[in-house]
Amino acid sequence: MAADPSFHGVSRAVPAKEIRSAGLDRPPAAVPPLDRVDRILLDELCRDARQPNNALAAKAGIAPSTCLARVRALRESGVVRGFHADVDPALAGRSLQAMIAVRMQGHARARLESFMRHLAGLPGVRNVFLLGGAHDFFVHIATSGTDGLNAFVIEHLSSNPDVALTETNLIFQHAHATGWR
């Protein structure tokens, strides 16, 4: 576990695996350049990570044993960080989604990565993006309704003296990109 520094009374331990999956504690890996077969495998895994190895191999034009070794190498090198369930927030009781832009106070800039980990561990947070530009973060959240959204912004963002500004944008629709190419 890595320690998550306190943000004005809020702290929690963050598992190292969670930090790596957020891309914050990436070991410098010497990943060989991806070839055409790797790109086909990535594209197909993005479309359907549950497809059988033999079907994946056929789509890439390689033997199943080669496919298994290639996917294992992609995972071990960190190119493939994991396989995840795509949960419909509305069907899981969180029908309101929002993208919250967050700008930090100047004195808090040294703690951006720690604050990112903190945000990623909060209930309802689906993604956190550290940005360059006018805002420091985009926080994608799913909640049960406007009361939950309001409570999230007040309790976790506006009340934090390190946060200078928040802008909340409701998400009406979302489409997943397919593939990796």
C-alpha atoms as a PDB file:
ATOM      1  CA  MET A   1       0.000   0.000   0.000  1.00  0.00           C
ATOM      2  CA  ALA A   2       1.111   3.526  -0.714  1.00  0.00           C
ATOM      3  CA  ALA A   3       0.178   6.289   1.659  1.00  0.00           C
ATOM      4  CA  ASP A   4      -2.209   8.900   0.381  1.00  0.00           C
ATOM      5  CA  PRO A   5      -1.368  12.210   2.046  1.00  0.00           C
ATOM      6  CA  SER A   6      -4.188  13.813   3.958  1.00  0.00           C
ATOM      7  CA  PHE A   7      -6.243  16.420   2.180  1.00  0.00           C
ATOM      8  CA  HIS A   8      -7.581  18.476   5.029  1.00  0.00           C
ATOM      9  CA  GLY A   9      -8.767  15.600   7.150  1.00  0.00           C
ATOM     10  CA  VAL A  10      -9.402  13.079   4.386  1.00  0.00           C
ATOM     11  CA  SER A  11      -6.991  10.227   3.848  1.00  0.00           C
ATOM     12  CA  ARG A  12      -6.990   6.602   2.865  1.00  0.00           C
ATOM     13  CA  ALA A  13      -4.524   3.916   1.923  1.00  0.00           C
ATOM     14  CA  VAL A  14      -4.338   3.367  -1.812  1.00  0.00           C
ATOM     15  CA  PRO A  15      -3.308  -0.102  -3.016  1.00  0.00           C
ATOM     16  CA  ALA A  16      -0.178  -0.028  -5.190  1.00  0.00           C
ATOM     17  CA  LYS A  17      -2.058  -1.926  -7.923  1.00  0.00           C
ATOM     18  CA  GLU A  18      -4.642   0.877  -8.029  1.00  0.00           C
ATOM     19  CA  ILE A  19      -1.914   3.495  -8.384  1.00  0.00           C
ATOM     20  CA  ARG A  20      -0.301   1.575 -11.237  1.00  0.00           C
ATOM     21  CA  SER A  21      -3.660   1.181 -12.999  1.00  0.00           C
ATOM     22  CA  ALA A  22      -4.085   4.935 -12.831  1.00  0.00           C
ATOM     23  CA  GLY A  23      -0.713   5.270 -14.556  1.00  0.00           C
ATOM     24  CA  LEU A  24       0.828   7.203 -11.673  1.00  0.00           C
ATOM     25  CA  ASP A  25       3.492   4.757 -10.578  1.00  0.00           C
ATOM     26  CA  ARG A  26       4.566   3.266 -13.878  1.00  0.00           C
ATOM     27  CA  PRO A  27       7.901   1.515 -13.876  1.00  0.00           C
ATOM     28  CA  PRO A  28       9.932   2.623 -16.883  1.00  0.00           C
ATOM     29  CA  ALA A  29       9.331  -0.398 -19.087  1.00  0.00           C
ATOM     30  CA  ALA A  30      11.286  -1.103 -22.198  1.00  0.00           C
ATOM     31  CA  VAL A  31       8.331  -2.015 -24.365  1.00  0.00           C
ATOM     32  CA  PRO A  32       9.289  -3.145 -27.838  1.00  0.00           C
ATOM     33  CA  PRO A  33       7.474  -1.321 -30.639  1.00  0.00           C
ATOM     34  CA  LEU A  34       4.027  -2.738 -31.337  1.00  0.00           C
ATOM     35  CA  ASP A  35       3.717  -4.501 -34.669  1.00  0.00           C
ATOM     36  CA  ARG A  36       0.661  -5.113 -36.853  1.00  0.00           C
ATOM     37  CA  VAL A  37      -0.316  -8.270 -34.933  1.00  0.00           C
ATOM     38  CA  ASP A  38      -0.081  -6.495 -31.561  1.00  0.00           C
ATOM     39  CA  ARG A  39      -2.309  -3.709 -32.872  1.00  0.00           C
ATOM     40  CA  ILE A  40      -4.886  -6.222 -34.123  1.00  0.00           C
ATOM     41  CA  LEU A  41      -4.838  -7.946 -30.734  1.00  0.00           C
ATOM     42  CA  LEU A  42      -5.280  -4.631 -28.908  1.00  0.00           C
ATOM     43  CA  ASP A  43      -8.100  -3.611 -31.231  1.00  0.00           C
ATOM     44  CA  GLU A  44      -9.914  -6.908 -30.767  1.00  0.00           C
ATOM     45  CA  LEU A  45      -9.402  -6.946 -26.981  1.00  0.00           C
ATOM     46  CA  CYS A  46     -10.881  -3.439 -26.807  1.00  0.00           C
ATOM     47  CA  ARG A  47     -13.908  -4.638 -28.759  1.00  0.00           C
ATOM     48  CA  ASP A  48     -14.394  -7.786 -26.665  1.00  0.00           C
ATOM     49  CA  ALA A  49     -11.887  -8.858 -24.029  1.00  0.00           C
ATOM     50  CA  ARG A  50     -13.918 -11.985 -23.277  1.00  0.00           C
ATOM     51  CA  GLN A  51     -13.593 -13.592 -26.696  1.00  0.00           C
ATOM     52  CA  PRO A  52     -11.890 -16.987 -26.658  1.00  0.00           C
ATOM     53  CA  ASN A  53      -8.179 -17.109 -27.386  1.00  0.00           C
ATOM     54  CA  ASN A  54      -8.676 -19.224 -30.515  1.00  0.00           C
ATOM     55  CA  ALA A  55     -11.110 -16.626 -31.975  1.00  0.00           C
ATOM     56  CA  LEU A  56      -8.676 -13.823 -31.121  1.00  0.00           C
ATOM     57  CA  ALA A  57      -5.826 -15.769 -32.746  1.00  0.00           C
ATOM     58  CA  ALA A  58      -7.866 -16.338 -35.918  1.00  0.00           C
ATOM     59  CA  LYS A  59      -8.635 -12.612 -36.210  1.00  0.00           C
ATOM     60  CA  ALA A  60      -4.921 -11.796 -35.868  1.00  0.00           C
ATOM     61  CA  GLY A  61      -3.898 -14.585 -38.267  1.00  0.00           C
ATOM     62  CA  ILE A  62      -1.652 -16.346 -35.740  1.00  0.00           C
ATOM     63  CA  ALA A  63      -1.628 -19.657 -33.876  1.00  0.00           C
ATOM     64  CA  PRO A  64      -3.537 -19.809 -30.556  1.00  0.00           C
ATOM     65  CA  SER A  65      -0.311 -20.537 -28.641  1.00  0.00           C
ATOM     66  CA  THR A  66       1.346 -17.493 -30.238  1.00  0.00           C
ATOM     67  CA  CYS A  67      -1.721 -15.403 -29.435  1.00  0.00           C
ATOM     68  CA  LEU A  68      -1.633 -16.444 -25.796  1.00  0.00           C
ATOM     69  CA  ALA A  69       2.058 -15.556 -25.555  1.00  0.00           C
ATOM     70  CA  ARG A  70       1.504 -12.193 -27.285  1.00  0.00           C
ATOM     71  CA  VAL A  71      -1.373 -11.208 -24.980  1.00  0.00           C
ATOM     72  CA  ARG A  72       0.650 -12.308 -21.946  1.00  0.00           C
ATOM     73  CA  ALA A  73       3.589 -10.167 -23.145  1.00  0.00           C
ATOM     74  CA  LEU A  74       1.266  -7.174 -23.662  1.00  0.00           C
ATOM     75  CA  ARG A  75      -0.026  -7.586 -20.099  1.00  0.00           C
ATOM     76  CA  GLU A  76       3.419  -8.075 -18.546  1.00  0.00           C
ATOM     77  CA  SER A  77       4.832  -5.033 -20.340  1.00  0.00           C
ATOM     78  CA  GLY A  78       1.966  -2.895 -19.051  1.00  0.00           C
ATOM     79  CA  VAL A  79       0.512  -2.131 -22.482  1.00  0.00           C
ATOM     80  CA  VAL A  80      -2.646  -3.998 -21.416  1.00  0.00           C
ATOM     81  CA  ARG A  81      -3.373  -2.853 -17.869  1.00  0.00           C
ATOM     82  CA  GLY A  82      -6.334  -5.123 -17.250  1.00  0.00           C
ATOM     83  CA  PHE A  83      -9.755  -6.272 -18.350  1.00  0.00           C
ATOM     84  CA  HIS A  84     -12.812  -4.561 -16.944  1.00  0.00           C
ATOM     85  CA  ALA A  85     -16.559  -4.876 -16.803  1.00  0.00           C
ATOM     86  CA  ASP A  86     -18.439  -2.083 -18.566  1.00  0.00           C
ATOM     87  CA  VAL A  87     -21.193  -1.260 -16.072  1.00  0.00           C
ATOM     88  CA  ASP A  88     -24.193   0.805 -17.151  1.00  0.00           C
ATOM     89  CA  PRO A  89     -24.358   3.461 -14.401  1.00  0.00           C
ATOM     90  CA  ALA A  90     -28.091   4.092 -14.904  1.00  0.00           C
ATOM     91  CA  LEU A  91     -28.967   0.408 -14.504  1.00  0.00           C
ATOM     92  CA  ALA A  92     -26.717   0.270 -11.424  1.00  0.00           C
ATOM     93  CA  GLY A  93     -28.666   3.101  -9.732  1.00  0.00           C
ATOM     94  CA  ARG A  94     -26.459   6.020 -10.801  1.00  0.00           C
ATOM     95  CA  SER A  95     -28.409   7.622 -13.610  1.00  0.00           C
ATOM     96  CA  LEU A  96     -26.804  11.075 -13.441  1.00  0.00           C
ATOM     97  CA  GLN A  97     -23.288  11.461 -14.809  1.00  0.00           C
ATOM     98  CA  ALA A  98     -21.197  14.602 -14.835  1.00  0.00           C
ATOM     99  CA  MET A  99     -17.759  15.791 -15.825  1.00  0.00           C
ATOM    100  CA  ILE A 100     -16.406  18.174 -13.207  1.00  0.00           C
ATOM    101  CA  ALA A 101     -13.537  20.466 -14.141  1.00  0.00           C
ATOM    102  CA  VAL A 102     -11.317  21.272 -11.160  1.00  0.00           C
ATOM    103  CA  ARG A 103      -8.675  23.986 -10.875  1.00  0.00           C
ATOM    104  CA  MET A 104      -6.330  23.831  -7.891  1.00  0.00           C
ATOM    105  CA  GLN A 105      -4.874  26.728  -5.909  1.00  0.00           C
ATOM    106  CA  GLY A 106      -1.311  27.619  -6.882  1.00  0.00           C
ATOM    107  CA  HIS A 107       0.097  26.418  -3.539  1.00  0.00           C
ATOM    108  CA  ALA A 108      -1.394  22.934  -4.120  1.00  0.00           C
ATOM    109  CA  ARG A 109       0.382  22.226  -7.432  1.00  0.00           C
ATOM    110  CA  ALA A 110       3.015  20.047  -5.756  1.00  0.00           C
ATOM    111  CA  ARG A 111       0.270  17.665  -4.621  1.00  0.00           C
ATOM    112  CA  LEU A 112      -1.554  17.086  -7.920  1.00  0.00           C
ATOM    113  CA  GLU A 113      -0.760  13.370  -8.161  1.00  0.00           C
ATOM    114  CA  SER A 114      -1.766  12.758  -4.551  1.00  0.00           C
ATOM    115  CA  PHE A 115      -5.006  14.651  -5.051  1.00  0.00           C
ATOM    116  CA  MET A 116      -5.652  12.619  -8.193  1.00  0.00           C
ATOM    117  CA  ARG A 117      -5.315   9.380  -6.202  1.00  0.00           C
ATOM    118  CA  HIS A 118      -7.598  10.815  -3.530  1.00  0.00           C
ATOM    119  CA  LEU A 119     -10.263  11.697  -6.124  1.00  0.00           C
ATOM    120  CA  ALA A 120     -10.002   8.265  -7.767  1.00  0.00           C
ATOM    121  CA  GLY A 121     -10.879   6.614  -4.449  1.00  0.00           C
ATOM    122  CA  LEU A 122     -14.074   8.579  -3.829  1.00  0.00           C
ATOM    123  CA  PRO A 123     -17.492   6.932  -4.209  1.00  0.00           C
ATOM    124  CA  GLY A 124     -19.073   7.477  -7.605  1.00  0.00           C
ATOM    125  CA  VAL A 125     -15.864   8.534  -9.336  1.00  0.00           C
ATOM    126  CA  ARG A 126     -15.454   6.662 -12.613  1.00  0.00           C
ATOM    127  CA  ASN A 127     -12.372   8.408 -14.034  1.00  0.00           C
ATOM    128  CA  VAL A 128      -9.983  11.198 -13.122  1.00  0.00           C
ATOM    129  CA  PHE A 129      -7.891  12.976 -15.739  1.00  0.00           C
ATOM    130  CA  LEU A 130      -4.878  15.160 -14.883  1.00  0.00           C
ATOM    131  CA  LEU A 131      -4.782  17.907 -17.496  1.00  0.00           C
ATOM    132  CA  GLY A 132      -2.633  20.575 -19.011  1.00  0.00           C
ATOM    133  CA  GLY A 133      -4.511  23.780 -19.717  1.00  0.00           C
ATOM    134  CA  ALA A 134      -7.012  25.941 -17.873  1.00  0.00           C
ATOM    135  CA  HIS A 135      -8.100  23.141 -15.512  1.00  0.00           C
ATOM    136  CA  ASP A 136      -6.048  20.683 -13.520  1.00  0.00           C
ATOM    137  CA  PHE A 137      -8.530  17.775 -13.508  1.00  0.00           C
ATOM    138  CA  PHE A 138     -11.629  16.404 -15.139  1.00  0.00           C
ATOM    139  CA  VAL A 139     -13.511  14.163 -12.731  1.00  0.00           C
ATOM    140  CA  HIS A 140     -16.085  11.837 -14.294  1.00  0.00           C
ATOM    141  CA  ILE A 141     -18.691  10.881 -11.711  1.00  0.00           C
ATOM    142  CA  ALA A 142     -21.887   8.858 -11.695  1.00  0.00           C
ATOM    143  CA  THR A 143     -24.456   9.475  -8.984  1.00  0.00           C
ATOM    144  CA  SER A 144     -28.090   8.738  -8.208  1.00  0.00           C
ATOM    145  CA  GLY A 145     -29.282  12.268  -8.908  1.00  0.00           C
ATOM    146  CA  THR A 146     -28.749  15.985  -8.424  1.00  0.00           C
ATOM    147  CA  ASP A 147     -28.669  15.712  -4.628  1.00  0.00           C
ATOM    148  CA  GLY A 148     -25.790  13.224  -4.828  1.00  0.00           C
ATOM    149  CA  LEU A 149     -23.951  15.380  -7.341  1.00  0.00           C
ATOM    150  CA  ASN A 150     -24.413  18.489  -5.199  1.00  0.00           C
ATOM    151  CA  ALA A 151     -23.195  16.640  -2.096  1.00  0.00           C
ATOM    152  CA  PHE A 152     -20.133  15.327  -3.952  1.00  0.00           C
ATOM    153  CA  VAL A 153     -19.105  18.776  -5.184  1.00  0.00           C
ATOM    154  CA  ILE A 154     -19.620  20.419  -1.788  1.00  0.00           C
ATOM    155  CA  GLU A 155     -18.138  17.681   0.409  1.00  0.00           C
ATOM    156  CA  HIS A 156     -15.178  16.647  -1.715  1.00  0.00           C
ATOM    157  CA  LEU A 157     -14.298  19.678  -3.813  1.00  0.00           C
ATOM    158  CA  SER A 158     -15.703  23.068  -2.804  1.00  0.00           C
ATOM    159  CA  SER A 159     -14.962  22.567   0.886  1.00  0.00           C
ATOM    160  CA  ASN A 160     -11.307  21.736   0.159  1.00  0.00           C
ATOM    161  CA  PRO A 161      -9.127  24.861   0.494  1.00  0.00           C
ATOM    162  CA  ASP A 162      -6.726  23.448  -2.135  1.00  0.00           C
ATOM    163  CA  VAL A 163      -9.489  23.669  -4.762  1.00  0.00           C
ATOM    164  CA  ALA A 164      -9.799  27.077  -6.437  1.00  0.00           C
ATOM    165  CA  LEU A 165     -12.668  26.400  -8.858  1.00  0.00           C
ATOM    166  CA  THR A 166     -15.069  23.726 -10.043  1.00  0.00           C
ATOM    167  CA  GLU A 167     -17.268  23.652 -13.132  1.00  0.00           C
ATOM    168  CA  THR A 168     -19.848  20.890 -13.425  1.00  0.00           C
ATOM    169  CA  ASN A 169     -21.089  19.685 -16.807  1.00  0.00           C
ATOM    170  CA  LEU A 170     -23.880  17.122 -17.056  1.00  0.00           C
ATOM    171  CA  ILE A 171     -23.370  14.193 -19.418  1.00  0.00           C
ATOM    172  CA  PHE A 172     -26.484  13.476 -21.466  1.00  0.00           C
ATOM    173  CA  GLN A 173     -25.096  10.687 -23.640  1.00  0.00           C
ATOM    174  CA  HIS A 174     -21.890   8.722 -23.929  1.00  0.00           C
ATOM    175  CA  ALA A 175     -20.547   6.437 -26.637  1.00  0.00           C
ATOM    176  CA  HIS A 176     -17.596   4.122 -26.160  1.00  0.00           C
ATOM    177  CA  ALA A 177     -14.987   4.202 -28.856  1.00  0.00           C
ATOM    178  CA  THR A 178     -14.465   0.796 -30.384  1.00  0.00           C
ATOM    179  CA  GLY A 179     -11.060  -0.653 -30.967  1.00  0.00           C
ATOM    180  CA  TRP A 180      -7.622   0.772 -30.593  1.00  0.00           C
ATOM    181  CA  ARG A 181      -6.435   1.581 -34.124  1.00  0.00           C
END
